Amino acid sequence: MTTRIALVGGNGKLGGIIHQVIDELDGFEVTAVLGSRSDLSELDGADVVVDASTPAVSIDVVRAAIERGLNVLVGTSGWSAERIALVRPLVEAAGTGVVFIPNFSLGSVIGSAIAAASSRFFPFAEIVEAHRDTKIDSPSGTAVRTAELIAAARATPVEAPYADQRARGQQVASVPVHSLRRPGVVAKQEAILSGPGESLTIVHDTTDPAAAYAAGIAIAVRNVLDVRGVVVGLESFIDIGIGSPQAASSGPVAEEGTPGQVARVTSA
């Protein structure tokens, strides 16, 4: 039996990568490709919806899928814990499932888990993320997810002096997040943990999105149809083996073996 997928945002960068991955998966077929301005009635006839649209459109896509009793895999950025909370009652009432994946990269997921597990031992934590200048939203969904995981792992908020000043970044779950938007970069995140006399920096750098996201997309697509309720993060479907707690809303790295990305941990 083939699972029919309606792909929203299929003509965008991420949507194109998702489409290619699905085409190579046995038992799955993209039967409808929607743009951000498409009529959502085109979701009819699908078994599951995959959303790679824009932050402004994504909420309507998720609601339309829930109304049709369809499970949704959301790869669109911009979904904070607060925004996810708005759709949780709709999902529970409909008995469907929605999976939010801030980042399909296995290296990114592992880096965020390391940052969360390590943050318990450091009073200070900040995140610096960089994406190409065409990325619409900031901070990135990955940075938001990492900050939420750090907060969930700690007994107290991180120390963030002078956080009321705009130059100190946007606080997400008490963690200052700084966003860079510039040409010449694909996606990069640094989680910087500091304590007396030392600091620990966890860096993840995506160099080839198509290669980096493929494995995570395949994992998420294979699992989304069986989900009930709201699931956040690719780590919900894989055993990272780091025992860091999940964020309330939900689930270094060897540099070889994961194509298209580089992850490293540095200490100073």
C-alpha atoms as a PDB file:
ATOM      1  CA  MET A   1       0.000   0.000   0.000  1.00  0.00           C
ATOM      2  CA  THR A   2       1.370   3.403  -0.974  1.00  0.00           C
ATOM      3  CA  THR A   3       1.063   6.370   1.382  1.00  0.00           C
ATOM      4  CA  ARG A   4      -0.113   9.432  -0.532  1.00  0.00           C
ATOM      5  CA  ILE A   5       1.584  12.665   0.525  1.00  0.00           C
ATOM      6  CA  ALA A   6       0.471  16.243  -0.078  1.00  0.00           C
ATOM      7  CA  LEU A   7       3.602  18.403   0.000  1.00  0.00           C
ATOM      8  CA  VAL A   8       3.046  22.086   0.774  1.00  0.00           C
ATOM      9  CA  GLY A   9       5.908  24.364  -0.216  1.00  0.00           C
ATOM     10  CA  GLY A  10       7.218  21.708  -2.560  1.00  0.00           C
ATOM     11  CA  ASN A  11       8.757  24.289  -4.884  1.00  0.00           C
ATOM     12  CA  GLY A  12      10.966  25.839  -2.209  1.00  0.00           C
ATOM     13  CA  LYS A  13      14.490  24.817  -1.213  1.00  0.00           C
ATOM     14  CA  LEU A  14      13.494  22.541   1.672  1.00  0.00           C
ATOM     15  CA  GLY A  15      10.384  21.322  -0.149  1.00  0.00           C
ATOM     16  CA  GLY A  16      12.484  20.278  -3.123  1.00  0.00           C
ATOM     17  CA  ILE A  17      14.821  18.273  -0.900  1.00  0.00           C
ATOM     18  CA  ILE A  18      11.868  16.607   0.843  1.00  0.00           C
ATOM     19  CA  HIS A  19      10.286  15.755  -2.522  1.00  0.00           C
ATOM     20  CA  GLN A  20      13.497  14.119  -3.719  1.00  0.00           C
ATOM     21  CA  VAL A  21      13.827  12.054  -0.540  1.00  0.00           C
ATOM     22  CA  ILE A  22      10.211  10.872  -0.698  1.00  0.00           C
ATOM     23  CA  ASP A  23      10.638   9.878  -4.343  1.00  0.00           C
ATOM     24  CA  GLU A  24      13.366   7.484  -3.244  1.00  0.00           C
ATOM     25  CA  LEU A  25      11.351   5.928  -0.388  1.00  0.00           C
ATOM     26  CA  ASP A  26       9.470   2.694  -0.969  1.00  0.00           C
ATOM     27  CA  GLY A  27       5.773   2.899  -0.113  1.00  0.00           C
ATOM     28  CA  PHE A  28       5.466   6.690  -0.299  1.00  0.00           C
ATOM     29  CA  GLU A  29       4.405   8.963  -3.140  1.00  0.00           C
ATOM     30  CA  VAL A  30       3.948  12.719  -3.469  1.00  0.00           C
ATOM     31  CA  THR A  31       0.519  12.997  -5.082  1.00  0.00           C
ATOM     32  CA  ALA A  32       0.010  16.761  -4.680  1.00  0.00           C
ATOM     33  CA  VAL A  33       2.458  19.669  -4.611  1.00  0.00           C
ATOM     34  CA  LEU A  34       1.077  22.928  -3.224  1.00  0.00           C
ATOM     35  CA  GLY A  35       2.571  26.405  -3.192  1.00  0.00           C
ATOM     36  CA  SER A  36       2.112  28.951  -0.457  1.00  0.00           C
ATOM     37  CA  ARG A  37      -0.855  30.434  -2.375  1.00  0.00           C
ATOM     38  CA  SER A  38      -2.512  27.159  -3.332  1.00  0.00           C
ATOM     39  CA  ASP A  39      -6.053  26.344  -2.291  1.00  0.00           C
ATOM     40  CA  LEU A  40      -5.807  24.029   0.701  1.00  0.00           C
ATOM     41  CA  SER A  41      -8.657  21.938  -0.714  1.00  0.00           C
ATOM     42  CA  GLU A  42      -5.848  20.300  -2.704  1.00  0.00           C
ATOM     43  CA  LEU A  43      -4.991  18.419   0.495  1.00  0.00           C
ATOM     44  CA  ASP A  44      -8.057  16.267  -0.119  1.00  0.00           C
ATOM     45  CA  GLY A  45      -7.187  12.740  -1.149  1.00  0.00           C
ATOM     46  CA  ALA A  46      -3.866  12.616   0.693  1.00  0.00           C
ATOM     47  CA  ASP A  47      -3.029  10.267   3.554  1.00  0.00           C
ATOM     48  CA  VAL A  48      -0.599  12.662   5.219  1.00  0.00           C
ATOM     49  CA  VAL A  49       0.542  16.270   4.783  1.00  0.00           C
ATOM     50  CA  VAL A  50       4.152  17.458   4.763  1.00  0.00           C
ATOM     51  CA  ASP A  51       4.520  21.202   5.317  1.00  0.00           C
ATOM     52  CA  ALA A  52       7.619  23.061   4.103  1.00  0.00           C
ATOM     53  CA  SER A  53       5.898  26.383   3.446  1.00  0.00           C
ATOM     54  CA  THR A  54       6.465  29.708   5.245  1.00  0.00           C
ATOM     55  CA  PRO A  55       5.828  30.730   8.875  1.00  0.00           C
ATOM     56  CA  ALA A  56       2.832  32.833   7.819  1.00  0.00           C
ATOM     57  CA  VAL A  57       1.195  29.991   5.873  1.00  0.00           C
ATOM     58  CA  SER A  58       2.160  27.031   8.035  1.00  0.00           C
ATOM     59  CA  ILE A  59      -0.490  27.569  10.721  1.00  0.00           C
ATOM     60  CA  ASP A  60      -3.257  27.456   8.106  1.00  0.00           C
ATOM     61  CA  VAL A  61      -1.801  24.296   6.583  1.00  0.00           C
ATOM     62  CA  VAL A  62      -1.701  22.554   9.959  1.00  0.00           C
ATOM     63  CA  ARG A  63      -5.268  23.577  10.799  1.00  0.00           C
ATOM     64  CA  ALA A  64      -6.556  22.479   7.395  1.00  0.00           C
ATOM     65  CA  ALA A  65      -4.903  19.080   7.772  1.00  0.00           C
ATOM     66  CA  ILE A  66      -6.298  18.594  11.277  1.00  0.00           C
ATOM     67  CA  GLU A  67      -9.794  19.489  10.050  1.00  0.00           C
ATOM     68  CA  ARG A  68      -9.452  16.728   7.427  1.00  0.00           C
ATOM     69  CA  GLY A  69      -8.244  14.181   9.978  1.00  0.00           C
ATOM     70  CA  LEU A  70      -4.779  14.056   8.430  1.00  0.00           C
ATOM     71  CA  ASN A  71      -1.456  13.755  10.208  1.00  0.00           C
ATOM     72  CA  VAL A  72       1.061  16.494   9.454  1.00  0.00           C
ATOM     73  CA  LEU A  73       4.850  16.619   9.317  1.00  0.00           C
ATOM     74  CA  VAL A  74       5.948  20.251   9.757  1.00  0.00           C
ATOM     75  CA  GLY A  75       9.399  21.247   8.580  1.00  0.00           C
ATOM     76  CA  THR A  76       8.558  24.948   8.414  1.00  0.00           C
ATOM     77  CA  SER A  77      10.519  27.099  10.837  1.00  0.00           C
ATOM     78  CA  GLY A  78       9.027  29.579  13.291  1.00  0.00           C
ATOM     79  CA  TRP A  79       7.113  27.182  15.558  1.00  0.00           C
ATOM     80  CA  SER A  80       7.940  28.067  19.179  1.00  0.00           C
ATOM     81  CA  ALA A  81       6.546  26.158  22.167  1.00  0.00           C
ATOM     82  CA  GLU A  82       3.956  28.905  22.616  1.00  0.00           C
ATOM     83  CA  ARG A  83       2.761  28.618  19.019  1.00  0.00           C
ATOM     84  CA  ILE A  84       2.645  24.830  19.172  1.00  0.00           C
ATOM     85  CA  ALA A  85       0.487  25.097  22.296  1.00  0.00           C
ATOM     86  CA  LEU A  86      -2.184  26.842  20.213  1.00  0.00           C
ATOM     87  CA  VAL A  87      -2.750  23.793  17.997  1.00  0.00           C
ATOM     88  CA  ARG A  88      -2.317  21.100  20.641  1.00  0.00           C
ATOM     89  CA  PRO A  89      -5.999  21.141  21.724  1.00  0.00           C
ATOM     90  CA  LEU A  90      -7.088  20.902  18.068  1.00  0.00           C
ATOM     91  CA  VAL A  91      -4.855  17.877  17.525  1.00  0.00           C
ATOM     92  CA  GLU A  92      -6.074  16.138  20.656  1.00  0.00           C
ATOM     93  CA  ALA A  93      -9.727  16.798  19.821  1.00  0.00           C
ATOM     94  CA  ALA A  94      -9.297  15.434  16.296  1.00  0.00           C
ATOM     95  CA  GLY A  95      -7.295  12.397  17.389  1.00  0.00           C
ATOM     96  CA  THR A  96      -4.653  13.122  14.758  1.00  0.00           C
ATOM     97  CA  GLY A  97      -0.913  13.694  14.975  1.00  0.00           C
ATOM     98  CA  VAL A  98       1.389  16.606  14.195  1.00  0.00           C
ATOM     99  CA  VAL A  99       5.172  16.277  14.097  1.00  0.00           C
ATOM    100  CA  PHE A 100       7.251  19.467  14.300  1.00  0.00           C
ATOM    101  CA  ILE A 101      10.852  19.097  13.124  1.00  0.00           C
ATOM    102  CA  PRO A 102      12.928  22.250  13.725  1.00  0.00           C
ATOM    103  CA  ASN A 103      15.892  20.675  11.899  1.00  0.00           C
ATOM    104  CA  PHE A 104      16.123  17.449   9.883  1.00  0.00           C
ATOM    105  CA  SER A 105      19.905  17.272  10.303  1.00  0.00           C
ATOM    106  CA  LEU A 106      21.040  14.452  12.580  1.00  0.00           C
ATOM    107  CA  GLY A 107      24.146  16.429  13.536  1.00  0.00           C
ATOM    108  CA  SER A 108      22.066  19.425  14.553  1.00  0.00           C
ATOM    109  CA  VAL A 109      19.775  17.283  16.712  1.00  0.00           C
ATOM    110  CA  ILE A 110      22.764  15.686  18.422  1.00  0.00           C
ATOM    111  CA  GLY A 111      24.443  19.063  18.931  1.00  0.00           C
ATOM    112  CA  SER A 112      21.317  20.469  20.579  1.00  0.00           C
ATOM    113  CA  ALA A 113      21.082  17.430  22.847  1.00  0.00           C
ATOM    114  CA  ILE A 114      24.719  17.843  23.896  1.00  0.00           C
ATOM    115  CA  ALA A 115      24.118  21.530  24.626  1.00  0.00           C
ATOM    116  CA  ALA A 116      21.055  20.720  26.744  1.00  0.00           C
ATOM    117  CA  ALA A 117      22.781  17.954  28.702  1.00  0.00           C
ATOM    118  CA  SER A 118      25.870  20.112  29.304  1.00  0.00           C
ATOM    119  CA  SER A 119      23.996  23.270  30.281  1.00  0.00           C
ATOM    120  CA  ARG A 120      23.176  21.871  33.718  1.00  0.00           C
ATOM    121  CA  PHE A 121      26.821  22.409  34.678  1.00  0.00           C
ATOM    122  CA  PHE A 122      27.179  26.010  33.470  1.00  0.00           C
ATOM    123  CA  PRO A 123      25.368  29.108  34.776  1.00  0.00           C
ATOM    124  CA  PHE A 124      25.588  31.009  31.463  1.00  0.00           C
ATOM    125  CA  ALA A 125      24.333  29.944  28.037  1.00  0.00           C
ATOM    126  CA  GLU A 126      23.911  31.851  24.778  1.00  0.00           C
ATOM    127  CA  ILE A 127      23.210  30.825  21.197  1.00  0.00           C
ATOM    128  CA  VAL A 128      24.534  32.393  18.001  1.00  0.00           C
ATOM    129  CA  GLU A 129      22.969  31.179  14.761  1.00  0.00           C
ATOM    130  CA  ALA A 130      23.685  32.178  11.176  1.00  0.00           C
ATOM    131  CA  HIS A 131      21.716  31.555   7.984  1.00  0.00           C
ATOM    132  CA  ARG A 132      21.738  32.911   4.466  1.00  0.00           C
ATOM    133  CA  ASP A 133      20.277  36.361   3.971  1.00  0.00           C
ATOM    134  CA  THR A 134      17.132  34.974   2.315  1.00  0.00           C
ATOM    135  CA  LYS A 135      15.870  33.225   5.470  1.00  0.00           C
ATOM    136  CA  ILE A 136      12.643  34.934   6.485  1.00  0.00           C
ATOM    137  CA  ASP A 137      12.372  34.172  10.198  1.00  0.00           C
ATOM    138  CA  SER A 138      14.670  34.751  13.137  1.00  0.00           C
ATOM    139  CA  PRO A 139      15.658  33.296  15.445  1.00  0.00           C
ATOM    140  CA  SER A 140      15.781  29.997  13.609  1.00  0.00           C
ATOM    141  CA  GLY A 141      13.567  27.107  14.652  1.00  0.00           C
ATOM    142  CA  THR A 142      16.699  25.161  15.571  1.00  0.00           C
ATOM    143  CA  ALA A 143      17.890  27.915  17.904  1.00  0.00           C
ATOM    144  CA  VAL A 144      14.463  28.141  19.524  1.00  0.00           C
ATOM    145  CA  ARG A 145      14.381  24.374  20.012  1.00  0.00           C
ATOM    146  CA  THR A 146      17.912  24.331  21.462  1.00  0.00           C
ATOM    147  CA  ALA A 147      17.041  27.102  23.923  1.00  0.00           C
ATOM    148  CA  GLU A 148      13.883  25.263  24.999  1.00  0.00           C
ATOM    149  CA  LEU A 149      15.845  22.047  25.527  1.00  0.00           C
ATOM    150  CA  ILE A 150      18.449  23.907  27.580  1.00  0.00           C
ATOM    151  CA  ALA A 151      15.704  25.409  29.757  1.00  0.00           C
ATOM    152  CA  ALA A 152      14.047  22.006  30.227  1.00  0.00           C
ATOM    153  CA  ALA A 153      17.346  20.446  31.330  1.00  0.00           C
ATOM    154  CA  ARG A 154      18.030  23.038  34.020  1.00  0.00           C
ATOM    155  CA  ALA A 155      16.609  23.606  37.474  1.00  0.00           C
ATOM    156  CA  THR A 156      17.029  27.390  37.132  1.00  0.00           C
ATOM    157  CA  PRO A 157      17.068  29.858  34.215  1.00  0.00           C
ATOM    158  CA  VAL A 158      20.434  30.679  32.684  1.00  0.00           C
ATOM    159  CA  GLU A 159      22.169  33.852  33.806  1.00  0.00           C
ATOM    160  CA  ALA A 160      21.775  36.563  31.176  1.00  0.00           C
ATOM    161  CA  PRO A 161      23.063  39.931  32.347  1.00  0.00           C
ATOM    162  CA  TYR A 162      21.700  43.104  30.710  1.00  0.00           C
ATOM    163  CA  ALA A 163      19.154  41.078  28.734  1.00  0.00           C
ATOM    164  CA  ASP A 164      16.892  44.139  28.594  1.00  0.00           C
ATOM    165  CA  GLN A 165      19.253  45.739  26.060  1.00  0.00           C
ATOM    166  CA  ARG A 166      18.394  45.022  22.412  1.00  0.00           C
ATOM    167  CA  ALA A 167      21.994  44.234  21.539  1.00  0.00           C
ATOM    168  CA  ARG A 168      21.857  41.281  23.940  1.00  0.00           C
ATOM    169  CA  GLY A 169      19.624  39.313  21.570  1.00  0.00           C
ATOM    170  CA  GLN A 170      16.163  37.820  21.942  1.00  0.00           C
ATOM    171  CA  GLN A 171      15.616  35.732  25.048  1.00  0.00           C
ATOM    172  CA  VAL A 172      14.081  32.328  24.350  1.00  0.00           C
ATOM    173  CA  ALA A 173      13.321  30.332  27.502  1.00  0.00           C
ATOM    174  CA  SER A 174      15.777  32.676  29.314  1.00  0.00           C
ATOM    175  CA  VAL A 175      18.575  31.966  26.793  1.00  0.00           C
ATOM    176  CA  PRO A 176      19.864  34.943  24.719  1.00  0.00           C
ATOM    177  CA  VAL A 177      19.770  34.088  21.010  1.00  0.00           C
ATOM    178  CA  HIS A 178      21.637  36.116  18.386  1.00  0.00           C
ATOM    179  CA  SER A 179      20.734  35.735  14.694  1.00  0.00           C
ATOM    180  CA  LEU A 180      23.017  36.531  11.760  1.00  0.00           C
ATOM    181  CA  ARG A 181      21.622  36.778   8.224  1.00  0.00           C
ATOM    182  CA  ARG A 182      24.275  37.023   5.547  1.00  0.00           C
ATOM    183  CA  PRO A 183      25.345  35.566   2.192  1.00  0.00           C
ATOM    184  CA  GLY A 184      27.979  32.853   2.075  1.00  0.00           C
ATOM    185  CA  VAL A 185      26.519  30.680   4.844  1.00  0.00           C
ATOM    186  CA  VAL A 186      24.003  27.830   4.734  1.00  0.00           C
ATOM    187  CA  ALA A 187      23.200  27.199   8.409  1.00  0.00           C
ATOM    188  CA  LYS A 188      25.412  27.367  11.469  1.00  0.00           C
ATOM    189  CA  GLN A 189      24.727  27.347  15.179  1.00  0.00           C
ATOM    190  CA  GLU A 190      26.959  27.839  18.198  1.00  0.00           C
ATOM    191  CA  ALA A 191      25.733  27.057  21.698  1.00  0.00           C
ATOM    192  CA  ILE A 192      28.135  28.742  24.111  1.00  0.00           C
ATOM    193  CA  LEU A 193      28.113  27.587  27.735  1.00  0.00           C
ATOM    194  CA  SER A 194      30.182  29.467  30.304  1.00  0.00           C
ATOM    195  CA  GLY A 195      31.170  29.090  33.927  1.00  0.00           C
ATOM    196  CA  PRO A 196      33.964  30.197  36.249  1.00  0.00           C
ATOM    197  CA  GLY A 197      37.266  29.983  34.379  1.00  0.00           C
ATOM    198  CA  GLU A 198      36.024  28.050  31.324  1.00  0.00           C
ATOM    199  CA  SER A 199      33.627  27.823  28.418  1.00  0.00           C
ATOM    200  CA  LEU A 200      32.251  25.064  26.205  1.00  0.00           C
ATOM    201  CA  THR A 201      31.139  25.744  22.623  1.00  0.00           C
ATOM    202  CA  ILE A 202      29.063  23.260  20.628  1.00  0.00           C
ATOM    203  CA  VAL A 203      29.128  24.105  16.917  1.00  0.00           C
ATOM    204  CA  HIS A 204      27.061  22.619  14.119  1.00  0.00           C
ATOM    205  CA  ASP A 205      27.660  23.717  10.540  1.00  0.00           C
ATOM    206  CA  THR A 206      25.530  22.588   7.602  1.00  0.00           C
ATOM    207  CA  THR A 207      27.476  22.634   4.338  1.00  0.00           C
ATOM    208  CA  ASP A 208      25.156  20.652   2.034  1.00  0.00           C
ATOM    209  CA  PRO A 209      21.464  20.718   3.050  1.00  0.00           C
ATOM    210  CA  ALA A 210      20.335  18.007   0.626  1.00  0.00           C
ATOM    211  CA  ALA A 211      22.888  15.551   2.000  1.00  0.00           C
ATOM    212  CA  ALA A 212      22.535  16.654   5.624  1.00  0.00           C
ATOM    213  CA  TYR A 213      18.726  16.496   5.794  1.00  0.00           C
ATOM    214  CA  ALA A 214      18.072  13.317   3.792  1.00  0.00           C
ATOM    215  CA  ALA A 215      18.376  10.769   6.607  1.00  0.00           C
ATOM    216  CA  GLY A 216      16.280  12.842   9.016  1.00  0.00           C
ATOM    217  CA  ILE A 217      13.565  13.478   6.448  1.00  0.00           C
ATOM    218  CA  ALA A 218      13.310   9.766   5.717  1.00  0.00           C
ATOM    219  CA  ILE A 219      13.025   8.960   9.441  1.00  0.00           C
ATOM    220  CA  ALA A 220      10.303  11.578   9.990  1.00  0.00           C
ATOM    221  CA  VAL A 221       8.268  10.593   6.913  1.00  0.00           C
ATOM    222  CA  ARG A 222       8.321   6.917   7.888  1.00  0.00           C
ATOM    223  CA  ASN A 223       7.046   7.717  11.404  1.00  0.00           C
ATOM    224  CA  VAL A 224       4.533  10.548  10.964  1.00  0.00           C
ATOM    225  CA  LEU A 225       1.560   8.399   9.976  1.00  0.00           C
ATOM    226  CA  ASP A 226       1.642   6.499  13.298  1.00  0.00           C
ATOM    227  CA  VAL A 227       1.837   9.565  15.551  1.00  0.00           C
ATOM    228  CA  ARG A 228      -1.013  10.643  17.781  1.00  0.00           C
ATOM    229  CA  GLY A 229      -0.879  14.016  19.495  1.00  0.00           C
ATOM    230  CA  VAL A 230       1.976  16.502  19.159  1.00  0.00           C
ATOM    231  CA  VAL A 231       5.582  15.406  18.745  1.00  0.00           C
ATOM    232  CA  VAL A 232       8.474  17.878  18.623  1.00  0.00           C
ATOM    233  CA  GLY A 233      11.955  17.109  17.372  1.00  0.00           C
ATOM    234  CA  LEU A 234      13.609  14.381  15.353  1.00  0.00           C
ATOM    235  CA  GLU A 235      15.083  13.036  18.583  1.00  0.00           C
ATOM    236  CA  SER A 236      11.636  11.621  19.353  1.00  0.00           C
ATOM    237  CA  PHE A 237      12.252   8.945  16.698  1.00  0.00           C
ATOM    238  CA  ILE A 238      15.913   8.124  17.298  1.00  0.00           C
ATOM    239  CA  ASP A 239      17.968   7.002  20.289  1.00  0.00           C
ATOM    240  CA  ILE A 240      20.728   9.568  20.657  1.00  0.00           C
ATOM    241  CA  GLY A 241      21.993   7.926  23.815  1.00  0.00           C
ATOM    242  CA  ILE A 242      22.531  11.160  25.716  1.00  0.00           C
ATOM    243  CA  GLY A 243      19.997  11.124  28.549  1.00  0.00           C
ATOM    244  CA  SER A 244      19.033  14.784  28.316  1.00  0.00           C
ATOM    245  CA  PRO A 245      15.391  15.544  29.144  1.00  0.00           C
ATOM    246  CA  GLN A 246      12.935  16.492  26.411  1.00  0.00           C
ATOM    247  CA  ALA A 247      11.492  19.991  26.292  1.00  0.00           C
ATOM    248  CA  ALA A 248       8.079  20.310  27.865  1.00  0.00           C
ATOM    249  CA  SER A 249       6.531  20.768  24.413  1.00  0.00           C
ATOM    250  CA  SER A 250       7.519  17.332  23.064  1.00  0.00           C
ATOM    251  CA  GLY A 251      11.720  13.756  22.539  1.00  0.00           C
ATOM    252  CA  PRO A 252      30.746  15.431  19.759  1.00  0.00           C
ATOM    253  CA  VAL A 253      29.499  14.299  17.182  1.00  0.00           C
ATOM    254  CA  ALA A 254      31.566  12.143  14.901  1.00  0.00           C
ATOM    255  CA  GLU A 255      32.398  14.341  11.967  1.00  0.00           C
ATOM    256  CA  GLU A 256      32.535  11.414   9.587  1.00  0.00           C
ATOM    257  CA  GLY A 257      29.493   9.373   8.648  1.00  0.00           C
ATOM    258  CA  THR A 258      26.997  12.239   8.398  1.00  0.00           C
ATOM    259  CA  PRO A 259      27.345  13.854   4.969  1.00  0.00           C
ATOM    260  CA  GLY A 260      26.822  17.527   4.331  1.00  0.00           C
ATOM    261  CA  GLN A 261      27.484  18.766   7.848  1.00  0.00           C
ATOM    262  CA  VAL A 262      30.219  19.313  10.399  1.00  0.00           C
ATOM    263  CA  ALA A 263      29.712  19.218  14.156  1.00  0.00           C
ATOM    264  CA  ARG A 264      32.337  19.770  16.792  1.00  0.00           C
ATOM    265  CA  VAL A 265      32.740  20.547  20.463  1.00  0.00           C
ATOM    266  CA  THR A 266      35.459  22.906  21.605  1.00  0.00           C
ATOM    267  CA  SER A 267      36.544  23.824  25.089  1.00  0.00           C
ATOM    268  CA  ALA A 268      38.497  26.879  26.166  1.00  0.00           C
END
